[in-house]
Amino acid sequence: MDPRIPTDLDRHLAPDARHWLAEAVTRVGQDPTAVRAVFPAVGRRCGRGPLGAGWTVADAARARLLTALPLRGAALAEEITALHRYGDTAEQRAVLRSLALLEDADASFADLGLPLVRAALRGNDTSLVEAALGPYAARHLDADAYRHAVLKCVFCDIPLDRTAGLTERADRELARMLADFAHERVAAGRDVPADVWPVVRDHPGTLEASGLPAGLHSPVPERRAATARALLAYTAATPAGAA
């Protein structure tokens, strides 16, 4: 997942929107408190259409405003925390998407945005969960928190290819958790999201330890069928480390 603001933002803005955003960026650079007025207005002034890599026009425009803030460290964290707290879902999503950009521009920001990530991961809004589990979270969440965030994505049907850092951070314990999740799904006669299998296959033995294969001998036809489909998908999957 690329943390950079899409380079084609300006091409998606009407002339009056480009002018408004340029003026807003200048205002914020001169007076950080101005962001409190212009940040909520972005969707109305710039639009909300889609850009690449999961960004929207409003996300990208808001990220541009945040990266123009002449604040550092704790002062920057305090300002964006207030924007997040009082913002609507779209504004909160933009703050979360911008965390890696803010850290890239200011090393003293470091892990000061983690409370916002944790708050989003505790919630049930899938757009915020997905935005939270970006490059910033991949850098700063500890191993246990990262594993549970990935598992939450699976429960929320968020594709794992939208999860930053998975190739580098997936470990045997995460594979075990995903295998146990898969076992629970097939025990209920349900299918398993295909994107869990590459992680499980990276760690031989985790599938067998979950007890999932025993479902082939279940007296319940639905469970036997779900198990067979799961094992076929597991066999066909390319291990994440080989992708």
C-alpha atoms as a PDB file:
ATOM      1  CA  MET A   1       0.000   0.000   0.000  1.00  0.00           C
ATOM      2  CA  ASP A   2       1.575   3.252  -1.160  1.00  0.00           C
ATOM      3  CA  PRO A   3       1.296   6.085   1.406  1.00  0.00           C
ATOM      4  CA  ARG A   4       1.961   8.821  -1.150  1.00  0.00           C
ATOM      5  CA  ILE A   5      -0.758  11.223  -2.267  1.00  0.00           C
ATOM      6  CA  PRO A   6      -1.840  10.187  -5.780  1.00  0.00           C
ATOM      7  CA  THR A   7       0.030  12.319  -8.273  1.00  0.00           C
ATOM      8  CA  ASP A   8      -3.032  12.760 -10.478  1.00  0.00           C
ATOM      9  CA  LEU A   9      -5.068  14.645  -7.866  1.00  0.00           C
ATOM     10  CA  ASP A  10      -4.901  17.953  -9.736  1.00  0.00           C
ATOM     11  CA  ARG A  11      -6.178  16.350 -12.938  1.00  0.00           C
ATOM     12  CA  HIS A  12      -9.333  15.329 -11.064  1.00  0.00           C
ATOM     13  CA  LEU A  13      -9.999  18.838  -9.767  1.00  0.00           C
ATOM     14  CA  ALA A  14     -12.027  21.450 -11.615  1.00  0.00           C
ATOM     15  CA  PRO A  15     -10.186  24.784 -12.061  1.00  0.00           C
ATOM     16  CA  ASP A  16     -12.091  26.449  -9.236  1.00  0.00           C
ATOM     17  CA  ALA A  17     -11.367  23.473  -6.949  1.00  0.00           C
ATOM     18  CA  ARG A  18      -7.646  23.604  -7.761  1.00  0.00           C
ATOM     19  CA  HIS A  19      -7.637  27.316  -6.976  1.00  0.00           C
ATOM     20  CA  TRP A  20      -9.512  26.814  -3.712  1.00  0.00           C
ATOM     21  CA  LEU A  21      -7.190  24.000  -2.601  1.00  0.00           C
ATOM     22  CA  ALA A  22      -4.043  25.973  -3.442  1.00  0.00           C
ATOM     23  CA  GLU A  23      -5.317  28.912  -1.410  1.00  0.00           C
ATOM     24  CA  ALA A  24      -6.298  26.620   1.461  1.00  0.00           C
ATOM     25  CA  VAL A  25      -2.821  25.042   1.492  1.00  0.00           C
ATOM     26  CA  THR A  26      -1.257  28.507   1.649  1.00  0.00           C
ATOM     27  CA  ARG A  27      -3.565  29.542   4.499  1.00  0.00           C
ATOM     28  CA  VAL A  28      -2.761  26.419   6.490  1.00  0.00           C
ATOM     29  CA  GLY A  29       0.957  26.922   5.944  1.00  0.00           C
ATOM     30  CA  GLN A  30       0.710  30.442   7.334  1.00  0.00           C
ATOM     31  CA  ASP A  31      -1.792  29.731  10.111  1.00  0.00           C
ATOM     32  CA  PRO A  32      -2.193  26.127  11.326  1.00  0.00           C
ATOM     33  CA  THR A  33      -5.552  26.885  12.951  1.00  0.00           C
ATOM     34  CA  ALA A  34      -6.992  27.562   9.486  1.00  0.00           C
ATOM     35  CA  VAL A  35      -7.060  23.817   8.872  1.00  0.00           C
ATOM     36  CA  ARG A  36     -10.002  23.539  11.247  1.00  0.00           C
ATOM     37  CA  ALA A  37     -12.161  25.555   8.853  1.00  0.00           C
ATOM     38  CA  VAL A  38     -10.974  24.230   5.490  1.00  0.00           C
ATOM     39  CA  PHE A  39     -10.601  20.539   6.365  1.00  0.00           C
ATOM     40  CA  PRO A  40     -14.366  19.839   6.666  1.00  0.00           C
ATOM     41  CA  ALA A  41     -15.080  21.814   3.465  1.00  0.00           C
ATOM     42  CA  VAL A  42     -12.862  19.687   1.208  1.00  0.00           C
ATOM     43  CA  GLY A  43     -15.511  17.224   0.052  1.00  0.00           C
ATOM     44  CA  ARG A  44     -17.868  19.986  -0.991  1.00  0.00           C
ATOM     45  CA  ARG A  45     -15.198  22.144  -2.639  1.00  0.00           C
ATOM     46  CA  CYS A  46     -13.009  19.460  -4.284  1.00  0.00           C
ATOM     47  CA  GLY A  47     -15.289  16.464  -4.773  1.00  0.00           C
ATOM     48  CA  ARG A  48     -15.348  12.907  -3.478  1.00  0.00           C
ATOM     49  CA  GLY A  49     -14.632  10.807  -6.563  1.00  0.00           C
ATOM     50  CA  PRO A  50     -12.220   7.861  -6.595  1.00  0.00           C
ATOM     51  CA  LEU A  51      -8.484   8.041  -7.261  1.00  0.00           C
ATOM     52  CA  GLY A  52      -5.988   5.185  -7.444  1.00  0.00           C
ATOM     53  CA  ALA A  53      -4.883   2.848  -4.637  1.00  0.00           C
ATOM     54  CA  GLY A  54      -8.105   3.285  -2.673  1.00  0.00           C
ATOM     55  CA  TRP A  55      -7.796   7.058  -2.287  1.00  0.00           C
ATOM     56  CA  THR A  56     -10.604   9.500  -3.023  1.00  0.00           C
ATOM     57  CA  VAL A  57     -10.202  13.056  -4.264  1.00  0.00           C
ATOM     58  CA  ALA A  58     -11.221  14.327  -0.838  1.00  0.00           C
ATOM     59  CA  ASP A  59      -8.730  12.008   0.924  1.00  0.00           C
ATOM     60  CA  ALA A  60      -5.885  13.281  -1.218  1.00  0.00           C
ATOM     61  CA  ALA A  61      -6.858  16.943  -0.909  1.00  0.00           C
ATOM     62  CA  ARG A  62      -7.116  16.626   2.864  1.00  0.00           C
ATOM     63  CA  ALA A  63      -3.747  14.875   3.001  1.00  0.00           C
ATOM     64  CA  ARG A  64      -2.253  17.803   1.098  1.00  0.00           C
ATOM     65  CA  LEU A  65      -3.648  20.162   3.719  1.00  0.00           C
ATOM     66  CA  LEU A  66      -2.278  18.086   6.595  1.00  0.00           C
ATOM     67  CA  THR A  67       1.192  17.864   5.104  1.00  0.00           C
ATOM     68  CA  ALA A  68       1.187  21.664   4.739  1.00  0.00           C
ATOM     69  CA  LEU A  69       0.791  22.159   8.494  1.00  0.00           C
ATOM     70  CA  PRO A  70       3.879  23.947   9.904  1.00  0.00           C
ATOM     71  CA  LEU A  71       3.690  21.897  13.112  1.00  0.00           C
ATOM     72  CA  ARG A  72       5.970  19.215  14.474  1.00  0.00           C
ATOM     73  CA  GLY A  73       5.850  16.377  16.969  1.00  0.00           C
ATOM     74  CA  ALA A  74       3.321  16.651  19.762  1.00  0.00           C
ATOM     75  CA  ALA A  75       1.788  19.869  18.389  1.00  0.00           C
ATOM     76  CA  LEU A  76       1.092  18.149  15.064  1.00  0.00           C
ATOM     77  CA  ALA A  77      -0.366  15.113  16.826  1.00  0.00           C
ATOM     78  CA  GLU A  78      -2.638  17.343  18.909  1.00  0.00           C
ATOM     79  CA  GLU A  79      -3.988  19.150  15.848  1.00  0.00           C
ATOM     80  CA  ILE A  80      -4.706  16.033  13.778  1.00  0.00           C
ATOM     81  CA  THR A  81      -6.213  14.282  16.789  1.00  0.00           C
ATOM     82  CA  ALA A  82      -8.721  17.119  17.124  1.00  0.00           C
ATOM     83  CA  LEU A  83      -9.531  16.944  13.406  1.00  0.00           C
ATOM     84  CA  HIS A  84     -10.092  13.216  13.762  1.00  0.00           C
ATOM     85  CA  ARG A  85     -12.173  13.504  16.920  1.00  0.00           C
ATOM     86  CA  TYR A  86     -14.553  16.109  15.569  1.00  0.00           C
ATOM     87  CA  GLY A  87     -14.579  14.989  11.944  1.00  0.00           C
ATOM     88  CA  ASP A  88     -17.016  12.781  10.096  1.00  0.00           C
ATOM     89  CA  THR A  89     -16.042   9.381   8.720  1.00  0.00           C
ATOM     90  CA  ALA A  90     -14.510  10.814   5.537  1.00  0.00           C
ATOM     91  CA  GLU A  91     -12.407  13.269   7.547  1.00  0.00           C
ATOM     92  CA  GLN A  92     -11.268  10.537   9.923  1.00  0.00           C
ATOM     93  CA  ARG A  93     -10.318   8.319   6.987  1.00  0.00           C
ATOM     94  CA  ALA A  94      -8.194  11.097   5.496  1.00  0.00           C
ATOM     95  CA  VAL A  95      -6.356  11.610   8.778  1.00  0.00           C
ATOM     96  CA  LEU A  96      -5.599   7.895   9.018  1.00  0.00           C
ATOM     97  CA  ARG A  97      -4.389   7.736   5.411  1.00  0.00           C
ATOM     98  CA  SER A  98      -2.095  10.699   6.068  1.00  0.00           C
ATOM     99  CA  LEU A  99      -0.248   9.329   9.105  1.00  0.00           C
ATOM    100  CA  ALA A 100       2.630   7.783   7.151  1.00  0.00           C
ATOM    101  CA  LEU A 101       3.010  10.991   5.126  1.00  0.00           C
ATOM    102  CA  LEU A 102       3.195  13.070   8.290  1.00  0.00           C
ATOM    103  CA  GLU A 103       5.835  10.801   9.786  1.00  0.00           C
ATOM    104  CA  ASP A 104       7.834  10.832   6.542  1.00  0.00           C
ATOM    105  CA  ALA A 105       7.892  14.632   6.710  1.00  0.00           C
ATOM    106  CA  ASP A 106       8.593  14.824  10.445  1.00  0.00           C
ATOM    107  CA  ALA A 107      10.471  12.036  12.213  1.00  0.00           C
ATOM    108  CA  SER A 108       9.540  13.511  15.604  1.00  0.00           C
ATOM    109  CA  PHE A 109       5.906  12.630  14.870  1.00  0.00           C
ATOM    110  CA  ALA A 110       6.995   8.965  15.142  1.00  0.00           C
ATOM    111  CA  ASP A 111       4.339   6.861  16.888  1.00  0.00           C
ATOM    112  CA  LEU A 112       2.229   9.775  18.153  1.00  0.00           C
ATOM    113  CA  GLY A 113      -0.567   8.853  15.758  1.00  0.00           C
ATOM    114  CA  LEU A 114      -0.976   5.317  17.089  1.00  0.00           C
ATOM    115  CA  PRO A 115      -3.947   6.157  19.367  1.00  0.00           C
ATOM    116  CA  LEU A 116      -5.919   7.074  16.223  1.00  0.00           C
ATOM    117  CA  VAL A 117      -5.010   3.763  14.603  1.00  0.00           C
ATOM    118  CA  ARG A 118      -6.040   1.808  17.682  1.00  0.00           C
ATOM    119  CA  ALA A 119      -9.341   3.675  17.926  1.00  0.00           C
ATOM    120  CA  ALA A 120     -10.179   2.848  14.314  1.00  0.00           C
ATOM    121  CA  LEU A 121      -9.271  -0.810  14.772  1.00  0.00           C
ATOM    122  CA  ARG A 122     -11.590  -1.036  17.781  1.00  0.00           C
ATOM    123  CA  GLY A 123     -14.500   0.214  15.680  1.00  0.00           C
ATOM    124  CA  ASN A 124     -16.645  -1.480  13.067  1.00  0.00           C
ATOM    125  CA  ASP A 125     -16.443   0.958  10.172  1.00  0.00           C
ATOM    126  CA  THR A 126     -14.625  -1.059   7.508  1.00  0.00           C
ATOM    127  CA  SER A 127     -13.454   2.031   5.621  1.00  0.00           C
ATOM    128  CA  LEU A 128     -11.692   3.254   8.773  1.00  0.00           C
ATOM    129  CA  VAL A 129     -10.281  -0.170   9.604  1.00  0.00           C
ATOM    130  CA  GLU A 130      -8.813  -0.397   6.112  1.00  0.00           C
ATOM    131  CA  ALA A 131      -7.402   3.139   6.246  1.00  0.00           C
ATOM    132  CA  ALA A 132      -5.925   2.498   9.692  1.00  0.00           C
ATOM    133  CA  LEU A 133      -4.034  -0.607   8.634  1.00  0.00           C
ATOM    134  CA  GLY A 134      -1.796   1.273   6.234  1.00  0.00           C
ATOM    135  CA  PRO A 135       1.977   1.782   6.161  1.00  0.00           C
ATOM    136  CA  TYR A 136       2.000   3.769   9.409  1.00  0.00           C
ATOM    137  CA  ALA A 137       0.332   0.957  11.353  1.00  0.00           C
ATOM    138  CA  ALA A 138       2.631  -1.597   9.723  1.00  0.00           C
ATOM    139  CA  ARG A 139       5.597   0.381  11.043  1.00  0.00           C
ATOM    140  CA  HIS A 140       4.372   0.910  14.577  1.00  0.00           C
ATOM    141  CA  LEU A 141       1.862  -1.691  15.771  1.00  0.00           C
ATOM    142  CA  ASP A 142       3.434  -4.358  17.948  1.00  0.00           C
ATOM    143  CA  ALA A 143       3.291  -7.962  16.757  1.00  0.00           C
ATOM    144  CA  ASP A 144       0.169  -8.941  18.691  1.00  0.00           C
ATOM    145  CA  ALA A 145      -1.782  -5.821  17.716  1.00  0.00           C
ATOM    146  CA  TYR A 146      -0.802  -6.251  14.074  1.00  0.00           C
ATOM    147  CA  ARG A 147      -1.933  -9.893  14.035  1.00  0.00           C
ATOM    148  CA  HIS A 148      -5.311  -9.018  15.522  1.00  0.00           C
ATOM    149  CA  ALA A 149      -5.715  -6.142  13.066  1.00  0.00           C
ATOM    150  CA  VAL A 150      -5.150  -8.539  10.157  1.00  0.00           C
ATOM    151  CA  LEU A 151      -7.632 -10.991  11.643  1.00  0.00           C
ATOM    152  CA  LYS A 152     -10.168  -8.183  11.971  1.00  0.00           C
ATOM    153  CA  CYS A 153      -9.720  -7.421   8.276  1.00  0.00           C
ATOM    154  CA  VAL A 154     -10.539 -11.052   7.493  1.00  0.00           C
ATOM    155  CA  PHE A 155     -13.646 -10.956   9.698  1.00  0.00           C
ATOM    156  CA  CYS A 156     -14.717  -7.683   8.035  1.00  0.00           C
ATOM    157  CA  ASP A 157     -14.152  -9.032   4.497  1.00  0.00           C
ATOM    158  CA  ILE A 158     -11.416  -6.471   3.810  1.00  0.00           C
ATOM    159  CA  PRO A 159      -9.075  -7.977   1.177  1.00  0.00           C
ATOM    160  CA  LEU A 160      -5.651  -8.617   2.659  1.00  0.00           C
ATOM    161  CA  ASP A 161      -3.898  -7.083  -0.333  1.00  0.00           C
ATOM    162  CA  ARG A 162      -5.067  -3.761   1.119  1.00  0.00           C
ATOM    163  CA  THR A 163      -3.177  -4.509   4.336  1.00  0.00           C
ATOM    164  CA  ALA A 164       0.234  -2.853   4.523  1.00  0.00           C
ATOM    165  CA  GLY A 165       3.257  -4.859   5.628  1.00  0.00           C
ATOM    166  CA  LEU A 166       1.681  -8.302   5.458  1.00  0.00           C
ATOM    167  CA  THR A 167       4.509  -9.962   3.524  1.00  0.00           C
ATOM    168  CA  GLU A 168       7.094  -8.676   6.000  1.00  0.00           C
ATOM    169  CA  ARG A 169       5.120  -9.078   9.234  1.00  0.00           C
ATOM    170  CA  ALA A 170       3.128 -12.285   8.796  1.00  0.00           C
ATOM    171  CA  ASP A 171       4.548 -14.903  11.173  1.00  0.00           C
ATOM    172  CA  ARG A 172       3.701 -18.395  12.381  1.00  0.00           C
ATOM    173  CA  GLU A 173       1.372 -17.087  15.079  1.00  0.00           C
ATOM    174  CA  LEU A 174      -0.651 -15.111  12.532  1.00  0.00           C
ATOM    175  CA  ALA A 175      -0.764 -18.196  10.311  1.00  0.00           C
ATOM    176  CA  ARG A 176      -2.073 -20.200  13.274  1.00  0.00           C
ATOM    177  CA  MET A 177      -4.759 -17.607  13.965  1.00  0.00           C
ATOM    178  CA  LEU A 178      -5.856 -17.598  10.332  1.00  0.00           C
ATOM    179  CA  ALA A 179      -5.902 -21.399  10.222  1.00  0.00           C
ATOM    180  CA  ASP A 180      -8.074 -21.475  13.347  1.00  0.00           C
ATOM    181  CA  PHE A 181     -10.388 -18.919  11.759  1.00  0.00           C
ATOM    182  CA  ALA A 182     -10.612 -21.090   8.646  1.00  0.00           C
ATOM    183  CA  HIS A 183     -11.421 -24.132  10.795  1.00  0.00           C
ATOM    184  CA  GLU A 184     -14.287 -22.266  12.457  1.00  0.00           C
ATOM    185  CA  ARG A 185     -15.659 -21.239   9.077  1.00  0.00           C
ATOM    186  CA  VAL A 186     -15.647 -24.721   7.568  1.00  0.00           C
ATOM    187  CA  ALA A 187     -17.062 -26.191  10.779  1.00  0.00           C
ATOM    188  CA  ALA A 188     -20.055 -23.951  10.120  1.00  0.00           C
ATOM    189  CA  GLY A 189     -20.194 -25.089   6.503  1.00  0.00           C
ATOM    190  CA  ARG A 190     -18.962 -21.727   5.231  1.00  0.00           C
ATOM    191  CA  ASP A 191     -16.265 -20.848   2.729  1.00  0.00           C
ATOM    192  CA  VAL A 192     -12.942 -19.257   3.684  1.00  0.00           C
ATOM    193  CA  PRO A 193     -11.587 -16.053   2.082  1.00  0.00           C
ATOM    194  CA  ALA A 194      -8.966 -17.172  -0.415  1.00  0.00           C
ATOM    195  CA  ASP A 195      -6.397 -14.601   0.664  1.00  0.00           C
ATOM    196  CA  VAL A 196      -5.760 -16.275   4.038  1.00  0.00           C
ATOM    197  CA  TRP A 197      -4.219 -19.353   2.414  1.00  0.00           C
ATOM    198  CA  PRO A 198      -0.915 -17.858   1.198  1.00  0.00           C
ATOM    199  CA  VAL A 199      -0.091 -16.819   4.779  1.00  0.00           C
ATOM    200  CA  VAL A 200      -1.065 -20.230   6.162  1.00  0.00           C
ATOM    201  CA  ARG A 201       0.950 -22.036   3.498  1.00  0.00           C
ATOM    202  CA  ASP A 202       4.044 -20.050   4.481  1.00  0.00           C
ATOM    203  CA  HIS A 203       4.048 -21.961   7.771  1.00  0.00           C
ATOM    204  CA  PRO A 204       3.730 -25.707   7.225  1.00  0.00           C
ATOM    205  CA  GLY A 205       1.823 -27.599   9.884  1.00  0.00           C
ATOM    206  CA  THR A 206      -0.446 -24.754  10.970  1.00  0.00           C
ATOM    207  CA  LEU A 207      -3.358 -26.003   8.880  1.00  0.00           C
ATOM    208  CA  GLU A 208      -3.086 -29.547  10.263  1.00  0.00           C
ATOM    209  CA  ALA A 209      -2.749 -28.238  13.828  1.00  0.00           C
ATOM    210  CA  SER A 210      -6.018 -26.347  13.457  1.00  0.00           C
ATOM    211  CA  GLY A 211      -7.927 -29.588  12.957  1.00  0.00           C
ATOM    212  CA  LEU A 212      -9.504 -28.356   9.737  1.00  0.00           C
ATOM    213  CA  PRO A 213      -8.669 -31.424   7.586  1.00  0.00           C
ATOM    214  CA  ALA A 214     -10.653 -33.664   9.928  1.00  0.00           C
ATOM    215  CA  GLY A 215     -13.779 -32.019   8.559  1.00  0.00           C
ATOM    216  CA  LEU A 216     -13.536 -34.365   5.580  1.00  0.00           C
ATOM    217  CA  HIS A 217     -14.832 -37.094   7.893  1.00  0.00           C
ATOM    218  CA  SER A 218     -17.657 -35.065   9.392  1.00  0.00           C
ATOM    219  CA  PRO A 219     -21.148 -36.620   9.365  1.00  0.00           C
ATOM    220  CA  VAL A 220     -22.463 -33.199   8.266  1.00  0.00           C
ATOM    221  CA  PRO A 221     -22.477 -32.913   4.447  1.00  0.00           C
ATOM    222  CA  GLU A 222     -22.141 -29.134   4.451  1.00  0.00           C
ATOM    223  CA  ARG A 223     -19.024 -29.316   6.618  1.00  0.00           C
ATOM    224  CA  ARG A 224     -17.453 -32.026   4.454  1.00  0.00           C
ATOM    225  CA  ALA A 225     -18.079 -29.954   1.331  1.00  0.00           C
ATOM    226  CA  ALA A 226     -16.721 -26.754   2.913  1.00  0.00           C
ATOM    227  CA  THR A 227     -13.640 -28.628   4.103  1.00  0.00           C
ATOM    228  CA  ALA A 228     -12.981 -30.052   0.650  1.00  0.00           C
ATOM    229  CA  ARG A 229     -13.263 -26.589  -0.914  1.00  0.00           C
ATOM    230  CA  ALA A 230     -10.940 -25.131   1.715  1.00  0.00           C
ATOM    231  CA  LEU A 231      -8.288 -27.808   1.211  1.00  0.00           C
ATOM    232  CA  LEU A 232      -8.448 -27.371  -2.545  1.00  0.00           C
ATOM    233  CA  ALA A 233      -7.968 -23.608  -2.184  1.00  0.00           C
ATOM    234  CA  TYR A 234      -5.124 -24.143   0.290  1.00  0.00           C
ATOM    235  CA  THR A 235      -3.341 -26.491  -2.112  1.00  0.00           C
ATOM    236  CA  ALA A 236      -3.753 -24.080  -5.008  1.00  0.00           C
ATOM    237  CA  ALA A 237      -2.521 -21.030  -3.095  1.00  0.00           C
ATOM    238  CA  THR A 238       0.931 -19.602  -3.668  1.00  0.00           C
ATOM    239  CA  PRO A 239       2.769 -19.064  -0.348  1.00  0.00           C
ATOM    240  CA  ALA A 240       2.952 -15.363   0.517  1.00  0.00           C
ATOM    241  CA  GLY A 241       6.725 -15.531   0.748  1.00  0.00           C
ATOM    242  CA  ALA A 242       6.920 -16.769  -2.842  1.00  0.00           C
ATOM    243  CA  ALA A 243       4.609 -14.117  -4.283  1.00  0.00           C
END
